[in-house]
Amino acid sequence: MDSLSNFPMPEMSITACEIKQVLKLTLESKQFKQFLSEWEKNLDYLSLLHSDFIERVKEKENWTTEEFIHKLLSNRESIPNSTSVPFLLKQSQIHKDQTFYVSCLAMSVGMLKSDDSVLKKYDNTKFSSSNLENTQQSNMFSCRIPGKTKDTIYGDEKSKHVLVLFKGCAFIVYILSSKGETLNFSEIYAQIKAITNYDGKIIPSVCKFTSLKRNKWNEIRENLSLKNRESLKFMENSIATIIVEDEDCPSEYHEAINHVKFGDKLGDALHGNMRYYDQIVNIIVYKNCVAGLLLEHTVVDGYLMYVICQSLYYLGETCGEKTLIKKSFDEIKFNFNPIFFNLEDIEFEGNLCVRNNIEYFDFFGYEGIFTILKEQRLYEVWINFGLQLAIKRTFGTLKFLLVTPTHVRHFKKGRTNPTYTITEKSVKFLEELNSNQSSNEVINTFVKAVKEH
C-alpha cells in the first residue's frame, strides 16, 4: 500500500477567503466592515502568525486532525453536553430475547476488535476503497481519561473484555481469548446470562461521575484512584461498554434518542444514569430488543460513526450462534460479581443525571437513504435548503448556521474543503422564494445555489 501524503499546508489567501465568506454571512454589515478594516491593519501580524503555524505543523502527517482532537480534549464541558452523539439502530428483525441480543452485540464487538477488515465489509460509502489513515479506527475501542486542563485518549491493545452495566453495577465480560480471537457465542452468552440473573448487592460504579464537567470528574478520579486503582483499570481498559436496560425503548423517536444519550431521567446519586461517557463506544440494549449507540465524537467522526452503526446492526443480526473458535471455560476465570468501588470518601451532588433534551425534526426519506454517501455529500441539497427555509421563517435569521466541516479524516494526495451550510446564493434563493419574484428567476438562483454547495 502506498504511503499517505502529509496533509497539505493551508495557504494564507485561501484561509482569508474562507474566513471572510463565513463572517460576511454571520456578522451584521457594520460589524463585517469593521472586521475588514481590522484585518487590513493587522495583515502583517496575521501573516507572521500563519508562517509560525506552518513551521509548527509542516512535518506532521495529519496535523489538522491533531488540532481538531486537541481542541475537543481541552473542552471542559461535560461529555453528554458536548461531544456525545446518540444513534438508534433499526428494530431487530430476528431477536426477541434481550440476553441473546446483548450476547450477539458483544460478540460483534469482539469481531470488530479482533479483525480490522470486518469493519470495512460494512462500509458502503464512496470512501470504502480510499486509502485512509487509521487514527480513528485505532482509537475506536478506547477511553477518554479526564485531566485538569486536557483529557487523554487511552486504549489497551491487549484488552480482552467489555463492560456490561446492569442495575447500576459494572461487570466484566470477556469477548476475546488470550490470543486475541473472538470467543465463541456460547461462552459470551453464559457470562451475559449470569449477569442478567445477578440478584446480589448493588455496588455503584463510577459511571455517574463521567457525566460531570471534565475538571470536576478529574478531581474526583484522582481521589478515587488512591483506593480503587485496580477497579478503575478494569473500567478504562475495556473495549466498549454495553448497557442492559430493564425497560423497553420509548416508542417516540425523540424520547428514544434522548434516552439513549442521557439514560433514565430519574437517575440518582446511587445508580447515576448508567452511561459510561468516557468510553468511546456505548451500546444500549432495551428489553424489547431495540439497540442504541452512544459514540464519543472526539476521536470518531460522523463517517466512522455510520460505519460502526451499520456493522454492529448487521453483525448483531447474523452472528447468532456461530462458533469461531473452540475454547474451554477453564482458560479464563470468569467473575460474575460487580466491579467493586470504595466511594466512602467521595463527596458529590445528590443528583448527577445531566439531561438537556435534544429537539429533532423528521423528514421523509427512502430505504437505504445513506446510499447518498456513494454519490455526493452527506446532506442532500433539498434537506439543506428546506431546513434553512424552515429556520428562516421560524426565527427570522440564519446567522447561527455556520460551517459544516467535511474533513475529519485524511485522504491520500488530497485535501478536503468545508461545506458551507449557508452561502450568499442560498440566502438569495430563500429571499426570492419568499418574495414575488418570477419562477424563472427563482429557478436560476436555485441552480446557482446548488452548484455553490
Protein backbone atom coordinates (compact mmCIF):
# COMPACT_ATOMS: atom_id res chain seq x y z
CA MET A 1 0.00 0.00 0.00
CA ASP A 2 1.28 3.47 -0.90
CA SER A 3 2.19 5.72 1.98
CA LEU A 4 -0.12 8.60 2.72
CA SER A 5 0.88 12.12 1.77
CA ASN A 6 1.16 14.66 4.54
CA PHE A 7 -1.96 16.76 4.91
CA PRO A 8 -1.46 19.92 2.78
CA MET A 9 -0.38 23.21 4.32
CA PRO A 10 -3.03 25.94 4.30
CA GLU A 11 -2.47 28.96 2.09
CA MET A 12 -2.99 32.39 3.65
CA SER A 13 -5.08 33.65 0.72
CA ILE A 14 -7.47 30.66 0.83
CA THR A 15 -7.79 30.86 4.62
CA ALA A 16 -8.58 34.58 4.35
CA CYS A 17 -11.28 33.94 1.73
CA GLU A 18 -12.92 31.25 3.88
CA ILE A 19 -12.90 33.44 7.00
CA LYS A 20 -14.39 36.38 5.11
CA GLN A 21 -17.04 34.18 3.47
CA VAL A 22 -18.25 32.89 6.84
CA LEU A 23 -18.17 36.24 8.64
CA LYS A 24 -19.95 38.05 5.80
CA LEU A 25 -22.88 35.70 6.33
CA THR A 26 -22.87 35.77 10.12
CA LEU A 27 -21.98 39.35 11.07
CA GLU A 28 -24.11 42.44 10.62
CA SER A 29 -22.99 44.66 7.74
CA LYS A 30 -21.43 47.27 10.06
CA GLN A 31 -19.57 44.60 12.04
CA PHE A 32 -18.27 42.96 8.86
CA LYS A 33 -16.88 46.27 7.55
CA GLN A 34 -15.17 46.80 10.89
CA PHE A 35 -13.69 43.31 10.67
CA LEU A 36 -12.30 44.01 7.15
CA SER A 37 -10.74 47.22 8.39
CA GLU A 38 -9.06 45.47 11.35
CA TRP A 39 -7.93 42.65 9.09
CA GLU A 40 -6.09 45.04 6.77
CA LYS A 41 -4.50 46.90 9.69
CA ASN A 42 -3.13 43.66 11.17
CA LEU A 43 -2.27 41.84 7.95
CA ASP A 44 1.49 41.77 8.64
CA TYR A 45 0.98 40.32 12.10
CA LEU A 46 -1.53 37.75 10.78
CA SER A 47 0.94 36.72 8.09
CA LEU A 48 3.58 36.20 10.79
CA LEU A 49 1.19 34.02 12.82
CA HIS A 50 0.44 32.00 9.69
CA SER A 51 4.15 31.45 8.99
CA ASP A 52 4.74 30.33 12.57
CA PHE A 53 1.85 27.88 12.29
CA ILE A 54 3.20 26.43 9.03
CA GLU A 55 6.59 25.92 10.66
CA ARG A 56 4.98 24.10 13.57
CA VAL A 57 2.94 21.61 11.52
CA LYS A 58 4.90 21.14 8.31
CA GLU A 59 6.42 17.78 9.30
CA LYS A 60 3.21 16.36 10.73
CA GLU A 61 1.35 13.82 8.63
CA ASN A 62 -2.14 14.65 9.85
CA TRP A 63 -1.85 17.95 11.66
CA THR A 64 -5.42 19.05 11.00
CA THR A 65 -6.93 16.09 12.89
CA GLU A 66 -4.40 16.58 15.69
CA GLU A 67 -5.53 20.20 16.07
CA PHE A 68 -9.18 19.15 15.99
CA ILE A 69 -8.71 16.49 18.68
CA HIS A 70 -6.55 18.80 20.82
CA LYS A 71 -9.35 21.38 20.97
CA LEU A 72 -12.01 18.81 21.83
CA LEU A 73 -9.90 17.18 24.53
CA SER A 74 -9.28 20.62 26.04
CA ASN A 75 -13.01 21.28 26.31
CA ARG A 76 -14.00 21.24 29.99
CA GLU A 77 -17.74 20.89 29.39
CA SER A 78 -19.35 17.56 30.28
CA ILE A 79 -19.28 14.91 27.55
CA PRO A 80 -23.09 14.41 27.36
CA ASN A 81 -23.48 18.15 26.78
CA SER A 82 -20.72 18.45 24.20
CA THR A 83 -19.24 15.56 22.21
CA SER A 84 -21.54 12.59 22.87
CA VAL A 85 -23.60 11.57 19.81
CA PRO A 86 -26.60 9.17 20.11
CA PHE A 87 -27.89 6.78 17.44
CA LEU A 88 -30.89 4.47 17.35
CA LEU A 89 -30.48 1.25 15.39
CA LYS A 90 -33.30 -0.33 13.43
CA GLN A 91 -35.57 -2.71 15.33
CA SER A 92 -34.03 -6.17 15.29
CA GLN A 93 -35.79 -8.44 12.82
CA ILE A 94 -34.83 -11.71 14.47
CA HIS A 95 -34.18 -11.13 18.17
CA LYS A 96 -36.89 -11.42 20.83
CA ASP A 97 -34.66 -12.27 23.80
CA GLN A 98 -32.65 -9.39 25.29
CA THR A 99 -29.89 -11.53 26.79
CA PHE A 100 -29.37 -13.32 23.49
CA TYR A 101 -29.24 -10.00 21.61
CA VAL A 102 -26.77 -8.49 24.10
CA SER A 103 -24.55 -11.55 23.60
CA CYS A 104 -24.70 -11.15 19.82
CA LEU A 105 -23.69 -7.50 20.05
CA ALA A 106 -20.87 -8.32 22.49
CA MET A 107 -19.61 -10.96 20.07
CA SER A 108 -19.89 -8.41 17.23
CA VAL A 109 -17.65 -6.01 19.15
CA GLY A 110 -15.15 -8.84 19.54
CA MET A 111 -15.20 -9.48 15.80
CA LEU A 112 -14.59 -5.80 15.03
CA LYS A 113 -11.80 -5.59 17.60
CA SER A 114 -10.01 -8.77 16.54
CA ASP A 115 -10.12 -8.19 12.77
CA ASP A 116 -9.77 -4.71 11.21
CA SER A 117 -11.11 -5.93 7.88
CA VAL A 118 -14.56 -6.72 9.33
CA LEU A 119 -15.48 -3.04 9.65
CA LYS A 120 -14.62 -2.37 6.00
CA LYS A 121 -17.07 -5.04 4.84
CA TYR A 122 -19.94 -2.89 6.08
CA ASP A 123 -18.69 0.37 4.57
CA ASN A 124 -20.89 1.03 1.54
CA THR A 125 -19.92 4.69 1.20
CA LYS A 126 -17.81 6.29 -1.50
CA PHE A 127 -14.83 6.19 0.89
CA SER A 128 -14.79 2.41 1.18
CA SER A 129 -11.99 1.93 -1.37
CA SER A 130 -9.97 5.00 -0.34
CA ASN A 131 -6.54 4.79 1.21
CA LEU A 132 -7.28 6.35 4.60
CA GLU A 133 -5.19 6.79 7.69
CA ASN A 134 -6.43 4.65 10.57
CA THR A 135 -6.09 7.07 13.51
CA GLN A 136 -9.79 6.97 14.26
CA GLN A 137 -10.30 3.25 13.75
CA SER A 138 -7.35 2.50 16.05
CA ASN A 139 -8.89 4.72 18.76
CA MET A 140 -12.41 3.39 18.27
CA PHE A 141 -12.25 1.00 21.22
CA SER A 142 -10.61 3.32 23.72
CA CYS A 143 -11.45 5.56 26.66
CA ARG A 144 -11.26 9.30 27.32
CA ILE A 145 -9.42 9.88 30.61
CA PRO A 146 -10.22 13.18 32.35
CA GLY A 147 -7.46 15.70 33.04
CA LYS A 148 -7.27 19.04 34.79
CA THR A 149 -6.90 21.11 31.61
CA LYS A 150 -6.94 18.47 28.88
CA ASP A 151 -8.15 14.86 28.62
CA THR A 152 -6.19 11.99 27.09
CA ILE A 153 -7.26 9.07 24.90
CA TYR A 154 -6.22 5.72 26.31
CA GLY A 155 -6.63 2.29 24.77
CA ASP A 156 -5.20 -1.03 25.86
CA GLU A 157 -4.39 -3.09 22.78
CA LYS A 158 -4.20 -6.22 24.94
CA SER A 159 -7.66 -5.75 26.44
CA LYS A 160 -9.95 -8.78 26.22
CA HIS A 161 -13.12 -7.55 27.92
CA VAL A 162 -16.09 -5.23 27.62
CA LEU A 163 -18.03 -3.62 30.44
CA VAL A 164 -21.65 -4.58 30.96
CA LEU A 165 -23.76 -2.16 33.02
CA PHE A 166 -26.78 -3.75 34.66
CA LYS A 167 -28.94 -2.43 37.51
CA GLY A 168 -26.37 0.22 38.40
CA CYS A 169 -23.43 -2.22 38.59
CA ALA A 170 -20.48 -2.64 36.23
CA PHE A 171 -19.48 -6.20 35.24
CA ILE A 172 -16.56 -7.57 33.24
CA VAL A 173 -17.38 -9.78 30.23
CA TYR A 174 -14.57 -11.39 28.27
CA ILE A 175 -15.09 -11.44 24.50
CA LEU A 176 -11.56 -12.25 23.29
CA SER A 177 -9.26 -15.18 24.02
CA SER A 178 -5.66 -14.91 25.21
CA LYS A 179 -4.65 -14.96 21.52
CA GLY A 180 -6.96 -12.05 20.68
CA GLU A 181 -9.54 -14.17 18.86
CA THR A 182 -13.28 -13.76 19.36
CA LEU A 183 -14.68 -16.20 21.90
CA ASN A 184 -17.46 -18.46 20.69
CA PHE A 185 -21.04 -17.40 21.22
CA SER A 186 -21.87 -19.88 23.98
CA GLU A 187 -19.08 -18.59 26.23
CA ILE A 188 -20.12 -14.97 25.81
CA TYR A 189 -23.78 -15.85 26.30
CA ALA A 190 -23.02 -17.74 29.53
CA GLN A 191 -21.39 -14.64 31.01
CA ILE A 192 -24.21 -12.30 29.97
CA LYS A 193 -26.81 -14.75 31.29
CA ALA A 194 -25.07 -14.93 34.69
CA ILE A 195 -25.03 -11.13 34.88
CA THR A 196 -28.71 -10.68 33.99
CA ASN A 197 -29.52 -13.27 36.69
CA TYR A 198 -27.48 -11.35 39.29
CA ASP A 199 -29.54 -10.55 42.38
CA GLY A 200 -26.77 -9.68 44.81
CA LYS A 201 -25.81 -6.40 46.43
CA ILE A 202 -25.89 -3.28 44.24
CA ILE A 203 -22.33 -1.91 44.00
CA PRO A 204 -22.36 1.53 42.34
CA SER A 205 -19.73 2.17 39.68
CA VAL A 206 -18.02 5.42 38.73
CA CYS A 207 -20.14 5.87 35.61
CA LYS A 208 -22.25 8.55 37.25
CA PHE A 209 -19.21 10.81 37.64
CA THR A 210 -18.41 10.73 33.91
CA SER A 211 -21.43 12.98 33.26
CA LEU A 212 -19.80 15.83 35.22
CA LYS A 213 -17.66 18.61 33.79
CA ARG A 214 -14.23 17.24 32.99
CA ASN A 215 -12.23 19.15 35.62
CA LYS A 216 -14.68 18.07 38.33
CA TRP A 217 -14.55 14.43 37.23
CA ASN A 218 -10.75 14.63 37.12
CA GLU A 219 -10.70 15.86 40.72
CA ILE A 220 -12.95 13.00 41.85
CA ARG A 221 -10.99 10.44 39.84
CA GLU A 222 -7.70 11.47 41.46
CA ASN A 223 -9.24 10.87 44.90
CA LEU A 224 -10.77 7.59 43.74
CA SER A 225 -7.53 6.23 42.33
CA LEU A 226 -5.97 6.05 45.80
CA LYS A 227 -8.25 3.16 46.87
CA ASN A 228 -9.70 1.98 43.55
CA ARG A 229 -6.74 1.71 41.19
CA GLU A 230 -7.45 -1.84 40.01
CA SER A 231 -11.19 -1.20 39.58
CA LEU A 232 -10.51 1.95 37.54
CA LYS A 233 -8.07 -0.04 35.43
CA PHE A 234 -10.79 -2.57 34.55
CA MET A 235 -13.13 0.24 33.57
CA GLU A 236 -10.65 2.22 31.49
CA ASN A 237 -9.09 -0.82 29.81
CA SER A 238 -12.41 -2.06 28.48
CA ILE A 239 -13.00 -2.34 24.73
CA ALA A 240 -16.56 -0.99 24.84
CA THR A 241 -19.49 -0.63 27.24
CA ILE A 242 -22.82 -2.44 26.88
CA ILE A 243 -25.79 -1.18 28.90
CA VAL A 244 -28.59 -3.67 29.59
CA GLU A 245 -31.76 -1.64 30.24
CA ASP A 246 -34.59 -3.15 32.29
CA GLU A 247 -37.27 -1.34 30.29
CA ASP A 248 -38.47 -1.07 26.70
CA CYS A 249 -37.14 1.61 24.40
CA PRO A 250 -39.51 4.63 24.23
CA SER A 251 -41.75 4.44 21.17
CA GLU A 252 -41.42 8.11 20.18
CA TYR A 253 -38.17 8.77 18.34
CA HIS A 254 -37.23 11.98 20.16
CA GLU A 255 -37.83 10.30 23.53
CA ALA A 256 -35.85 7.22 22.45
CA ILE A 257 -32.83 9.18 21.22
CA ASN A 258 -32.79 11.28 24.39
CA HIS A 259 -32.94 8.11 26.50
CA VAL A 260 -30.04 6.61 24.55
CA LYS A 261 -27.96 9.67 25.35
CA PHE A 262 -28.99 10.52 28.89
CA GLY A 263 -30.50 7.35 30.31
CA ASP A 264 -33.32 7.43 32.83
CA LYS A 265 -34.26 10.97 33.82
CA LEU A 266 -34.85 9.60 37.34
CA GLY A 267 -31.18 8.64 37.64
CA ASP A 268 -29.91 9.30 41.17
CA ALA A 269 -26.64 9.55 43.04
CA LEU A 270 -26.55 5.78 43.61
CA HIS A 271 -27.22 4.47 40.13
CA GLY A 272 -26.48 7.54 38.03
CA ASN A 273 -27.83 7.25 34.51
CA MET A 274 -25.94 4.07 33.52
CA ARG A 275 -23.88 5.62 30.74
CA TYR A 276 -20.09 5.39 30.76
CA TYR A 277 -19.43 8.64 28.92
CA ASP A 278 -15.64 8.23 28.98
CA GLN A 279 -15.96 5.16 26.75
CA ILE A 280 -15.84 5.88 23.02
CA VAL A 281 -18.48 3.21 22.25
CA ASN A 282 -21.55 2.66 24.46
CA ILE A 283 -24.16 0.16 23.25
CA ILE A 284 -27.59 0.37 24.89
CA VAL A 285 -29.91 -2.65 24.60
CA TYR A 286 -33.55 -2.40 25.69
CA LYS A 287 -35.88 -5.20 26.85
CA ASN A 288 -37.78 -5.11 23.54
CA CYS A 289 -34.51 -5.74 21.63
CA VAL A 290 -34.08 -2.22 20.32
CA ALA A 291 -30.46 -1.07 20.47
CA GLY A 292 -28.89 2.37 20.51
CA LEU A 293 -25.31 3.57 20.27
CA LEU A 294 -23.68 6.44 22.11
CA LEU A 295 -20.43 7.45 20.44
CA GLU A 296 -17.83 9.92 21.70
CA HIS A 297 -17.15 12.36 18.87
CA THR A 298 -13.66 13.40 19.97
CA VAL A 299 -11.90 10.59 18.12
CA VAL A 300 -14.68 9.24 15.90
CA ASP A 301 -16.16 11.32 13.06
CA GLY A 302 -19.64 11.07 11.54
CA TYR A 303 -18.45 8.84 8.71
CA LEU A 304 -16.95 6.23 11.04
CA MET A 305 -19.96 6.51 13.36
CA TYR A 306 -22.20 5.50 10.48
CA VAL A 307 -19.98 2.52 9.61
CA ILE A 308 -19.88 1.39 13.27
CA CYS A 309 -23.68 1.53 13.49
CA GLN A 310 -24.06 -0.29 10.18
CA SER A 311 -21.60 -3.05 11.11
CA LEU A 312 -22.93 -3.64 14.63
CA TYR A 313 -26.52 -3.86 13.42
CA TYR A 314 -25.82 -6.42 10.69
CA LEU A 315 -23.30 -8.41 12.73
CA GLY A 316 -25.78 -8.47 15.61
CA GLU A 317 -28.44 -9.82 13.27
CA THR A 318 -26.27 -12.52 11.71
CA CYS A 319 -23.65 -13.71 14.23
CA GLY A 320 -26.13 -15.70 16.32
CA GLU A 321 -24.61 -18.93 17.48
CA LYS A 322 -21.67 -19.02 15.10
CA THR A 323 -18.68 -20.74 16.64
CA LEU A 324 -15.49 -19.03 15.53
CA ILE A 325 -13.08 -20.96 17.77
CA LYS A 326 -13.24 -23.75 20.27
CA LYS A 327 -12.31 -22.66 23.73
CA SER A 328 -12.63 -24.01 27.24
CA PHE A 329 -14.16 -22.12 30.14
CA ASP A 330 -11.12 -23.20 32.14
CA GLU A 331 -8.88 -20.79 30.24
CA ILE A 332 -10.48 -17.64 31.64
CA LYS A 333 -11.51 -17.14 35.24
CA PHE A 334 -14.92 -15.55 34.81
CA ASN A 335 -16.05 -13.30 37.67
CA PHE A 336 -19.77 -12.59 37.82
CA ASN A 337 -19.58 -10.14 40.70
CA PRO A 338 -19.72 -6.38 40.02
CA ILE A 339 -16.53 -4.33 39.94
CA PHE A 340 -16.09 -3.01 43.48
CA PHE A 341 -15.52 0.69 44.20
CA ASN A 342 -14.86 2.27 47.57
CA LEU A 343 -16.75 5.57 47.38
CA GLU A 344 -16.91 6.33 51.10
CA ASP A 345 -14.67 9.40 50.98
CA ILE A 346 -16.12 10.82 47.75
CA GLU A 347 -18.42 13.80 48.04
CA PHE A 348 -20.75 14.59 45.18
CA GLU A 349 -24.04 16.23 44.36
CA GLY A 350 -27.31 14.47 45.19
CA ASN A 351 -28.32 14.20 41.54
CA LEU A 352 -25.77 13.65 38.80
CA CYS A 353 -28.23 12.98 36.00
CA VAL A 354 -27.29 15.55 33.34
CA ARG A 355 -30.19 15.86 30.93
CA ASN A 356 -30.60 18.57 28.32
CA ASN A 357 -33.21 17.31 25.90
CA ILE A 358 -32.40 17.31 22.20
CA GLU A 359 -35.00 18.51 19.71
CA TYR A 360 -35.33 16.70 16.37
CA PHE A 361 -37.19 17.14 13.12
CA ASP A 362 -38.32 14.33 10.84
CA PHE A 363 -38.19 14.19 7.06
CA PHE A 364 -39.46 11.53 4.72
CA GLY A 365 -36.69 9.52 3.15
CA TYR A 366 -36.40 6.17 1.49
CA GLU A 367 -34.95 2.78 2.33
CA GLY A 368 -31.17 2.97 2.30
CA ILE A 369 -31.00 6.77 2.44
CA PHE A 370 -27.33 6.58 3.36
CA THR A 371 -26.57 5.45 -0.18
CA ILE A 372 -26.46 9.21 -0.74
CA LEU A 373 -22.90 8.90 0.51
CA LYS A 374 -21.98 6.92 -2.59
CA GLU A 375 -22.77 9.83 -4.86
CA GLN A 376 -22.35 13.14 -3.06
CA ARG A 377 -22.09 14.91 0.28
CA LEU A 378 -23.82 13.65 3.39
CA TYR A 379 -26.67 16.14 3.19
CA GLU A 380 -28.85 16.36 0.10
CA VAL A 381 -29.41 19.91 -1.10
CA TRP A 382 -33.18 19.65 -0.68
CA ILE A 383 -32.77 18.81 3.01
CA ASN A 384 -30.28 21.64 3.46
CA PHE A 385 -32.41 24.31 1.76
CA GLY A 386 -35.63 23.01 3.28
CA LEU A 387 -34.15 23.27 6.76
CA GLN A 388 -32.82 26.75 6.05
CA LEU A 389 -36.24 27.90 4.88
CA ALA A 390 -37.96 26.45 7.96
CA ILE A 391 -35.46 28.07 10.35
CA LYS A 392 -35.61 31.39 8.48
CA ARG A 393 -39.41 31.50 8.74
CA THR A 394 -39.37 30.38 12.37
CA PHE A 395 -36.58 32.55 13.79
CA GLY A 396 -36.18 35.24 11.12
CA THR A 397 -32.44 34.68 10.79
CA LEU A 398 -29.89 32.10 9.69
CA LYS A 399 -26.89 33.66 11.38
CA PHE A 400 -26.35 30.79 13.80
CA LEU A 401 -25.93 28.28 10.95
CA LEU A 402 -22.21 28.38 10.35
CA VAL A 403 -19.97 25.83 8.64
CA THR A 404 -20.18 22.06 8.37
CA PRO A 405 -16.63 20.65 8.05
CA THR A 406 -16.43 17.68 5.72
CA HIS A 407 -12.93 16.81 6.90
CA VAL A 408 -12.11 14.66 9.84
CA ARG A 409 -10.05 12.05 8.05
CA HIS A 410 -7.01 12.04 5.84
CA PHE A 411 -7.31 11.26 2.13
CA LYS A 412 -4.41 10.19 0.01
CA LYS A 413 -2.95 13.09 -2.00
CA GLY A 414 -5.83 15.42 -1.42
CA ARG A 415 -7.37 17.95 0.88
CA THR A 416 -10.97 18.37 1.88
CA ASN A 417 -12.88 21.63 1.95
CA PRO A 418 -15.57 22.89 4.30
CA THR A 419 -19.20 22.63 3.31
CA TYR A 420 -20.91 25.95 3.95
CA THR A 421 -24.32 25.33 5.43
CA ILE A 422 -25.39 28.75 4.20
CA THR A 423 -23.92 30.67 1.29
CA GLU A 424 -24.62 34.01 -0.34
CA LYS A 425 -26.51 32.29 -3.14
CA SER A 426 -28.59 30.11 -0.79
CA VAL A 427 -29.57 33.23 1.18
CA LYS A 428 -30.53 34.98 -2.07
CA PHE A 429 -32.55 31.93 -3.12
CA LEU A 430 -34.54 31.97 0.12
CA GLU A 431 -35.18 35.70 -0.22
CA GLU A 432 -36.53 35.25 -3.76
CA LEU A 433 -38.58 32.26 -2.69
CA ASN A 434 -40.31 34.41 -0.07
CA SER A 435 -40.86 37.31 -2.48
CA ASN A 436 -42.87 37.76 -5.64
CA GLN A 437 -40.01 37.02 -8.00
CA SER A 438 -40.82 35.14 -11.19
CA SER A 439 -40.38 31.38 -11.10
CA ASN A 440 -37.68 31.58 -13.79
CA GLU A 441 -35.56 33.90 -11.65
CA VAL A 442 -36.04 31.70 -8.58
CA ILE A 443 -35.09 28.56 -10.50
CA ASN A 444 -31.95 30.22 -11.89
CA THR A 445 -30.90 31.29 -8.40
CA PHE A 446 -31.67 27.79 -7.10
CA VAL A 447 -29.38 26.22 -9.73
CA LYS A 448 -26.57 28.63 -8.83
CA ALA A 449 -27.04 27.90 -5.12
CA VAL A 450 -26.92 24.14 -5.73
CA LYS A 451 -23.68 24.49 -7.68
CA GLU A 452 -22.18 26.55 -4.88
CA HIS A 453 -22.97 23.78 -2.39
